[in-house]
Amino acid sequence: MQFHFVDVREDHEFLIDHAAGACHLGKGIIERDIEKAISDKNAPIILYCSGGYRSVLVADTLQLMGCKNVVVVGW
C-alpha cells in the first residue's frame, strides 16, 4: 500500500534527524502547501512529530480541509 509519510516538525528539527523516507511539511506551512504536495484527498497520509501533539493538530486541520485518510503515529 502506498502512503505519504510526513514529518510536521520545524525545519531545524527535521535537519537534525528524521525517519527515512519522510517528506517535510512543517506544521506552520502544511495548510498552505499540502495540496501541492498531496493532491489526492483520499490518499493515506501518516503524520509524525517528536511528541505527537503537533501531528494531532495537523491531522485535525487536514481532516477539516477534506483529507479523508489521515493517521498520526506516536514517536
PDB file of N, CA and C in Angstrom:
ATOM      1  N   MET A   1       0.842  -1.178   0.000  1.00  0.00           N
ATOM      2  CA  MET A   1       0.000   0.000   0.000  1.00  0.00           C
ATOM      3  C   MET A   1       0.890   1.245   0.000  1.00  0.00           C
ATOM      4  N   GLN A   2       0.558   2.177  -0.843  1.00  0.00           N
ATOM      5  CA  GLN A   2       1.302   3.428  -0.913  1.00  0.00           C
ATOM      6  C   GLN A   2       0.694   4.451   0.034  1.00  0.00           C
ATOM      7  N   PHE A   3       1.544   5.243   0.653  1.00  0.00           N
ATOM      8  CA  PHE A   3       1.089   6.285   1.564  1.00  0.00           C
ATOM      9  C   PHE A   3       2.100   7.416   1.560  1.00  0.00           C
ATOM     10  N   HIS A   4       1.690   8.542   2.110  1.00  0.00           N
ATOM     11  CA  HIS A   4       2.568   9.703   2.264  1.00  0.00           C
ATOM     12  C   HIS A   4       2.972   9.778   3.729  1.00  0.00           C
ATOM     13  N   PHE A   5       4.265   9.786   3.987  1.00  0.00           N
ATOM     14  CA  PHE A   5       4.823   9.823   5.334  1.00  0.00           C
ATOM     15  C   PHE A   5       5.351  11.233   5.551  1.00  0.00           C
ATOM     16  N   VAL A   6       4.725  11.989   6.444  1.00  0.00           N
ATOM     17  CA  VAL A   6       5.003  13.420   6.566  1.00  0.00           C
ATOM     18  C   VAL A   6       5.480  13.768   7.976  1.00  0.00           C
ATOM     19  N   ASP A   7       6.628  14.396   8.040  1.00  0.00           N
ATOM     20  CA  ASP A   7       7.195  14.923   9.280  1.00  0.00           C
ATOM     21  C   ASP A   7       6.715  16.363   9.411  1.00  0.00           C
ATOM     22  N   VAL A   8       5.998  16.679  10.498  1.00  0.00           N
ATOM     23  CA  VAL A   8       5.432  18.017  10.661  1.00  0.00           C
ATOM     24  C   VAL A   8       6.228  18.887  11.630  1.00  0.00           C
ATOM     25  N   ARG A   9       7.446  18.456  11.976  1.00  0.00           N
ATOM     26  CA  ARG A   9       8.272  19.228  12.904  1.00  0.00           C
ATOM     27  C   ARG A   9       8.855  20.463  12.223  1.00  0.00           C
ATOM     28  N   GLU A  10       9.489  21.289  13.007  1.00  0.00           N
ATOM     29  CA  GLU A  10      10.131  22.502  12.495  1.00  0.00           C
ATOM     30  C   GLU A  10      11.332  22.147  11.615  1.00  0.00           C
ATOM     31  N   ASP A  11      11.735  23.094  10.771  1.00  0.00           N
ATOM     32  CA  ASP A  11      12.846  22.878   9.837  1.00  0.00           C
ATOM     33  C   ASP A  11      14.113  22.397  10.540  1.00  0.00           C
ATOM     34  N   HIS A  12      14.496  23.066  11.625  1.00  0.00           N
ATOM     35  CA  HIS A  12      15.745  22.696  12.294  1.00  0.00           C
ATOM     36  C   HIS A  12      15.669  21.295  12.896  1.00  0.00           C
ATOM     37  N   GLU A  13      14.511  20.876  13.357  1.00  0.00           N
ATOM     38  CA  GLU A  13      14.359  19.521  13.894  1.00  0.00           C
ATOM     39  C   GLU A  13      14.502  18.475  12.784  1.00  0.00           C
ATOM     40  N   PHE A  14      13.887  18.762  11.647  1.00  0.00           N
ATOM     41  CA  PHE A  14      13.962  17.850  10.501  1.00  0.00           C
ATOM     42  C   PHE A  14      15.393  17.703  10.012  1.00  0.00           C
ATOM     43  N   LEU A  15      16.132  18.811   9.993  1.00  0.00           N
ATOM     44  CA  LEU A  15      17.518  18.773   9.527  1.00  0.00           C
ATOM     45  C   LEU A  15      18.417  17.958  10.454  1.00  0.00           C
ATOM     46  N   ILE A  16      18.141  17.995  11.745  1.00  0.00           N
ATOM     47  CA  ILE A  16      18.945  17.230  12.698  1.00  0.00           C
ATOM     48  C   ILE A  16      18.744  15.735  12.491  1.00  0.00           C
ATOM     49  N   ASP A  17      17.480  15.325  12.325  1.00  0.00           N
ATOM     50  CA  ASP A  17      17.186  13.909  12.137  1.00  0.00           C
ATOM     51  C   ASP A  17      15.741  13.745  11.710  1.00  0.00           C
ATOM     52  N   HIS A  18      15.488  12.718  10.916  1.00  0.00           N
ATOM     53  CA  HIS A  18      14.124  12.376  10.520  1.00  0.00           C
ATOM     54  C   HIS A  18      14.095  10.925  10.040  1.00  0.00           C
ATOM     55  N   ALA A  19      12.925  10.371  10.025  1.00  0.00           N
ATOM     56  CA  ALA A  19      12.750   8.988   9.586  1.00  0.00           C
ATOM     57  C   ALA A  19      13.032   8.877   8.094  1.00  0.00           C
ATOM     58  N   ALA A  20      13.639   7.781   7.714  1.00  0.00           N
ATOM     59  CA  ALA A  20      13.933   7.535   6.295  1.00  0.00           C
ATOM     60  C   ALA A  20      12.637   7.544   5.490  1.00  0.00           C
ATOM     61  N   GLY A  21      12.665   8.258   4.398  1.00  0.00           N
ATOM     62  CA  GLY A  21      11.515   8.297   3.502  1.00  0.00           C
ATOM     63  C   GLY A  21      10.477   9.354   3.832  1.00  0.00           C
ATOM     64  N   ALA A  22      10.650  10.050   4.945  1.00  0.00           N
ATOM     65  CA  ALA A  22       9.668  11.069   5.327  1.00  0.00           C
ATOM     66  C   ALA A  22       9.875  12.338   4.514  1.00  0.00           C
ATOM     67  N   CYS A  23       8.776  12.938   4.085  1.00  0.00           N
ATOM     68  CA  CYS A  23       8.872  14.268   3.490  1.00  0.00           C
ATOM     69  C   CYS A  23       8.614  15.271   4.603  1.00  0.00           C
ATOM     70  N   HIS A  24       8.961  16.503   4.378  1.00  0.00           N
ATOM     71  CA  HIS A  24       8.845  17.517   5.422  1.00  0.00           C
ATOM     72  C   HIS A  24       7.852  18.584   5.017  1.00  0.00           C
ATOM     73  N   LEU A  25       6.790  18.687   5.797  1.00  0.00           N
ATOM     74  CA  LEU A  25       5.840  19.789   5.687  1.00  0.00           C
ATOM     75  C   LEU A  25       5.562  20.231   7.111  1.00  0.00           C
ATOM     76  N   GLY A  26       6.254  21.235   7.566  1.00  0.00           N
ATOM     77  CA  GLY A  26       6.121  21.692   8.938  1.00  0.00           C
ATOM     78  C   GLY A  26       4.713  22.155   9.272  1.00  0.00           C
ATOM     79  N   LYS A  27       4.358  22.058  10.532  1.00  0.00           N
ATOM     80  CA  LYS A  27       3.032  22.445  10.995  1.00  0.00           C
ATOM     81  C   LYS A  27       2.674  23.861  10.569  1.00  0.00           C
ATOM     82  N   GLY A  28       3.641  24.745  10.555  1.00  0.00           N
ATOM     83  CA  GLY A  28       3.372  26.136  10.221  1.00  0.00           C
ATOM     84  C   GLY A  28       3.040  26.406   8.767  1.00  0.00           C
ATOM     85  N   ILE A  29       3.362  25.472   7.873  1.00  0.00           N
ATOM     86  CA  ILE A  29       3.132  25.709   6.439  1.00  0.00           C
ATOM     87  C   ILE A  29       2.268  24.647   5.769  1.00  0.00           C
ATOM     88  N   ILE A  30       1.902  23.623   6.492  1.00  0.00           N
ATOM     89  CA  ILE A  30       1.236  22.498   5.843  1.00  0.00           C
ATOM     90  C   ILE A  30      -0.109  22.883   5.222  1.00  0.00           C
ATOM     91  N   GLU A  31      -0.851  23.774   5.866  1.00  0.00           N
ATOM     92  CA  GLU A  31      -2.132  24.199   5.299  1.00  0.00           C
ATOM     93  C   GLU A  31      -1.934  24.863   3.942  1.00  0.00           C
ATOM     94  N   ARG A  32      -0.862  25.582   3.807  1.00  0.00           N
ATOM     95  CA  ARG A  32      -0.563  26.284   2.563  1.00  0.00           C
ATOM     96  C   ARG A  32      -0.066  25.338   1.477  1.00  0.00           C
ATOM     97  N   ASP A  33       0.714  24.330   1.865  1.00  0.00           N
ATOM     98  CA  ASP A  33       1.428  23.518   0.871  1.00  0.00           C
ATOM     99  C   ASP A  33       0.909  22.100   0.659  1.00  0.00           C
ATOM    100  N   ILE A  34      -0.020  21.636   1.470  1.00  0.00           N
ATOM    101  CA  ILE A  34      -0.440  20.239   1.378  1.00  0.00           C
ATOM    102  C   ILE A  34      -1.031  19.892   0.016  1.00  0.00           C
ATOM    103  N   GLU A  35      -1.816  20.764  -0.567  1.00  0.00           N
ATOM    104  CA  GLU A  35      -2.459  20.433  -1.835  1.00  0.00           C
ATOM    105  C   GLU A  35      -1.459  20.339  -2.983  1.00  0.00           C
ATOM    106  N   LYS A  36      -0.339  21.060  -2.880  1.00  0.00           N
ATOM    107  CA  LYS A  36       0.716  20.920  -3.891  1.00  0.00           C
ATOM    108  C   LYS A  36       1.463  19.610  -3.704  1.00  0.00           C
ATOM    109  N   ALA A  37       1.687  19.229  -2.472  1.00  0.00           N
ATOM    110  CA  ALA A  37       2.459  18.016  -2.174  1.00  0.00           C
ATOM    111  C   ALA A  37       1.628  16.751  -2.330  1.00  0.00           C
ATOM    112  N   ILE A  38       0.355  16.814  -1.914  1.00  0.00           N
ATOM    113  CA  ILE A  38      -0.531  15.643  -1.948  1.00  0.00           C
ATOM    114  C   ILE A  38      -1.885  16.127  -2.465  1.00  0.00           C
ATOM    115  N   SER A  39      -2.121  15.944  -3.736  1.00  0.00           N
ATOM    116  CA  SER A  39      -3.347  16.477  -4.336  1.00  0.00           C
ATOM    117  C   SER A  39      -4.565  15.574  -4.124  1.00  0.00           C
ATOM    118  N   ASP A  40      -4.357  14.299  -3.892  1.00  0.00           N
ATOM    119  CA  ASP A  40      -5.458  13.349  -3.724  1.00  0.00           C
ATOM    120  C   ASP A  40      -5.953  13.366  -2.277  1.00  0.00           C
ATOM    121  N   LYS A  41      -7.157  13.847  -2.060  1.00  0.00           N
ATOM    122  CA  LYS A  41      -7.706  13.946  -0.698  1.00  0.00           C
ATOM    123  C   LYS A  41      -8.010  12.583  -0.084  1.00  0.00           C
ATOM    124  N   ASN A  42      -7.996  11.517  -0.892  1.00  0.00           N
ATOM    125  CA  ASN A  42      -8.226  10.170  -0.374  1.00  0.00           C
ATOM    126  C   ASN A  42      -6.919   9.424  -0.090  1.00  0.00           C
ATOM    127  N   ALA A  43      -5.802  10.033  -0.428  1.00  0.00           N
ATOM    128  CA  ALA A  43      -4.504   9.379  -0.237  1.00  0.00           C
ATOM    129  C   ALA A  43      -4.228   9.176   1.251  1.00  0.00           C
ATOM    130  N   PRO A  44      -3.672   8.021   1.615  1.00  0.00           N
ATOM    131  CA  PRO A  44      -3.281   7.813   3.009  1.00  0.00           C
ATOM    132  C   PRO A  44      -2.112   8.731   3.377  1.00  0.00           C
ATOM    133  N   ILE A  45      -2.274   9.438   4.491  1.00  0.00           N
ATOM    134  CA  ILE A  45      -1.241  10.344   4.987  1.00  0.00           C
ATOM    135  C   ILE A  45      -0.915   9.939   6.413  1.00  0.00           C
ATOM    136  N   ILE A  46       0.345   9.644   6.655  1.00  0.00           N
ATOM    137  CA  ILE A  46       0.810   9.309   8.003  1.00  0.00           C
ATOM    138  C   ILE A  46       1.654  10.469   8.497  1.00  0.00           C
ATOM    139  N   LEU A  47       1.257  11.033   9.629  1.00  0.00           N
ATOM    140  CA  LEU A  47       1.922  12.205  10.194  1.00  0.00           C
ATOM    141  C   LEU A  47       2.715  11.827  11.430  1.00  0.00           C
ATOM    142  N   TYR A  48       3.866  12.476  11.603  1.00  0.00           N
ATOM    143  CA  TYR A  48       4.584  12.310  12.865  1.00  0.00           C
ATOM    144  C   TYR A  48       5.354  13.566  13.223  1.00  0.00           C
ATOM    145  N   CYS A  49       5.609  13.685  14.530  1.00  0.00           N
ATOM    146  CA  CYS A  49       6.458  14.728  15.091  1.00  0.00           C
ATOM    147  C   CYS A  49       7.154  14.110  16.293  1.00  0.00           C
ATOM    148  N   SER A  50       7.884  14.876  17.033  1.00  0.00           N
ATOM    149  CA  SER A  50       8.661  14.301  18.129  1.00  0.00           C
ATOM    150  C   SER A  50       7.804  13.836  19.294  1.00  0.00           C
ATOM    151  N   GLY A  51       6.732  14.532  19.603  1.00  0.00           N
ATOM    152  CA  GLY A  51       5.936  14.165  20.768  1.00  0.00           C
ATOM    153  C   GLY A  51       4.510  13.737  20.459  1.00  0.00           C
ATOM    154  N   GLY A  52       4.042  14.016  19.255  1.00  0.00           N
ATOM    155  CA  GLY A  52       2.695  13.630  18.872  1.00  0.00           C
ATOM    156  C   GLY A  52       1.678  14.760  18.887  1.00  0.00           C
ATOM    157  N   TYR A  53       1.931  15.792  19.671  1.00  0.00           N
ATOM    158  CA  TYR A  53       0.953  16.871  19.797  1.00  0.00           C
ATOM    159  C   TYR A  53       0.754  17.635  18.485  1.00  0.00           C
ATOM    160  N   ARG A  54       1.833  18.040  17.860  1.00  0.00           N
ATOM    161  CA  ARG A  54       1.722  18.790  16.602  1.00  0.00           C
ATOM    162  C   ARG A  54       1.058  17.963  15.514  1.00  0.00           C
ATOM    163  N   SER A  55       1.410  16.681  15.448  1.00  0.00           N
ATOM    164  CA  SER A  55       0.823  15.846  14.398  1.00  0.00           C
ATOM    165  C   SER A  55      -0.675  15.666  14.596  1.00  0.00           C
ATOM    166  N   VAL A  56      -1.141  15.624  15.849  1.00  0.00           N
ATOM    167  CA  VAL A  56      -2.584  15.548  16.115  1.00  0.00           C
ATOM    168  C   VAL A  56      -3.271  16.828  15.653  1.00  0.00           C
ATOM    169  N   LEU A  57      -2.670  17.976  15.920  1.00  0.00           N
ATOM    170  CA  LEU A  57      -3.238  19.249  15.467  1.00  0.00           C
ATOM    171  C   LEU A  57      -3.294  19.312  13.937  1.00  0.00           C
ATOM    172  N   VAL A  58      -2.221  18.871  13.292  1.00  0.00           N
ATOM    173  CA  VAL A  58      -2.177  18.872  11.828  1.00  0.00           C
ATOM    174  C   VAL A  58      -3.217  17.907  11.269  1.00  0.00           C
ATOM    175  N   ALA A  59      -3.376  16.741  11.877  1.00  0.00           N
ATOM    176  CA  ALA A  59      -4.373  15.773  11.414  1.00  0.00           C
ATOM    177  C   ALA A  59      -5.770  16.387  11.452  1.00  0.00           C
ATOM    178  N   ASP A  60      -6.079  17.075  12.535  1.00  0.00           N
ATOM    179  CA  ASP A  60      -7.383  17.726  12.655  1.00  0.00           C
ATOM    180  C   ASP A  60      -7.573  18.749  11.540  1.00  0.00           C
ATOM    181  N   THR A  61      -6.563  19.561  11.308  1.00  0.00           N
ATOM    182  CA  THR A  61      -6.630  20.578  10.255  1.00  0.00           C
ATOM    183  C   THR A  61      -6.810  19.944   8.885  1.00  0.00           C
ATOM    184  N   LEU A  62      -6.028  18.901   8.589  1.00  0.00           N
ATOM    185  CA  LEU A  62      -6.133  18.255   7.279  1.00  0.00           C
ATOM    186  C   LEU A  62      -7.506  17.627   7.071  1.00  0.00           C
ATOM    187  N   GLN A  63      -8.066  17.055   8.129  1.00  0.00           N
ATOM    188  CA  GLN A  63      -9.409  16.487   8.011  1.00  0.00           C
ATOM    189  C   GLN A  63     -10.433  17.585   7.739  1.00  0.00           C
ATOM    190  N   LEU A  64     -10.294  18.730   8.383  1.00  0.00           N
ATOM    191  CA  LEU A  64     -11.185  19.863   8.115  1.00  0.00           C
ATOM    192  C   LEU A  64     -11.034  20.365   6.680  1.00  0.00           C
ATOM    193  N   MET A  65      -9.835  20.174   6.111  1.00  0.00           N
ATOM    194  CA  MET A  65      -9.581  20.580   4.724  1.00  0.00           C
ATOM    195  C   MET A  65     -10.042  19.520   3.724  1.00  0.00           C
ATOM    196  N   GLY A  66     -10.572  18.400   4.209  1.00  0.00           N
ATOM    197  CA  GLY A  66     -11.125  17.389   3.313  1.00  0.00           C
ATOM    198  C   GLY A  66     -10.297  16.140   3.125  1.00  0.00           C
ATOM    199  N   CYS A  67      -9.145  16.054   3.757  1.00  0.00           N
ATOM    200  CA  CYS A  67      -8.344  14.826   3.665  1.00  0.00           C
ATOM    201  C   CYS A  67      -9.047  13.733   4.461  1.00  0.00           C
ATOM    202  N   LYS A  68      -9.235  12.588   3.828  1.00  0.00           N
ATOM    203  CA  LYS A  68     -10.072  11.558   4.403  1.00  0.00           C
ATOM    204  C   LYS A  68      -9.339  10.391   5.053  1.00  0.00           C
ATOM    205  N   ASN A  69      -8.029  10.306   4.883  1.00  0.00           N
ATOM    206  CA  ASN A  69      -7.296   9.130   5.353  1.00  0.00           C
ATOM    207  C   ASN A  69      -6.008   9.570   6.059  1.00  0.00           C
ATOM    208  N   VAL A  70      -6.176  10.229   7.208  1.00  0.00           N
ATOM    209  CA  VAL A  70      -5.035  10.792   7.943  1.00  0.00           C
ATOM    210  C   VAL A  70      -4.828   9.982   9.226  1.00  0.00           C
ATOM    211  N   VAL A  71      -3.577   9.598   9.452  1.00  0.00           N
ATOM    212  CA  VAL A  71      -3.219   8.807  10.638  1.00  0.00           C
ATOM    213  C   VAL A  71      -2.047   9.488  11.329  1.00  0.00           C
ATOM    214  N   VAL A  72      -2.063   9.464  12.661  1.00  0.00           N
ATOM    215  CA  VAL A  72      -0.963  10.012  13.456  1.00  0.00           C
ATOM    216  C   VAL A  72      -0.191   8.844  14.068  1.00  0.00           C
ATOM    217  N   VAL A  73       1.129   8.911  13.936  1.00  0.00           N
ATOM    218  CA  VAL A  73       1.998   7.898  14.522  1.00  0.00           C
ATOM    219  C   VAL A  73       2.713   8.522  15.710  1.00  0.00           C
ATOM    220  N   GLY A  74       2.668   7.880  16.854  1.00  0.00           N
ATOM    221  CA  GLY A  74       3.398   8.363  18.014  1.00  0.00           C
ATOM    222  C   GLY A  74       4.865   8.010  17.886  1.00  0.00           C
ATOM    223  N   TRP A  75       5.702   8.830  18.439  1.00  0.00           N
ATOM    224  CA  TRP A  75       7.150   8.605  18.298  1.00  0.00           C
ATOM    225  C   TRP A  75       7.784   8.370  19.608  1.00  0.00           C
TER     226      TRP A  75
END
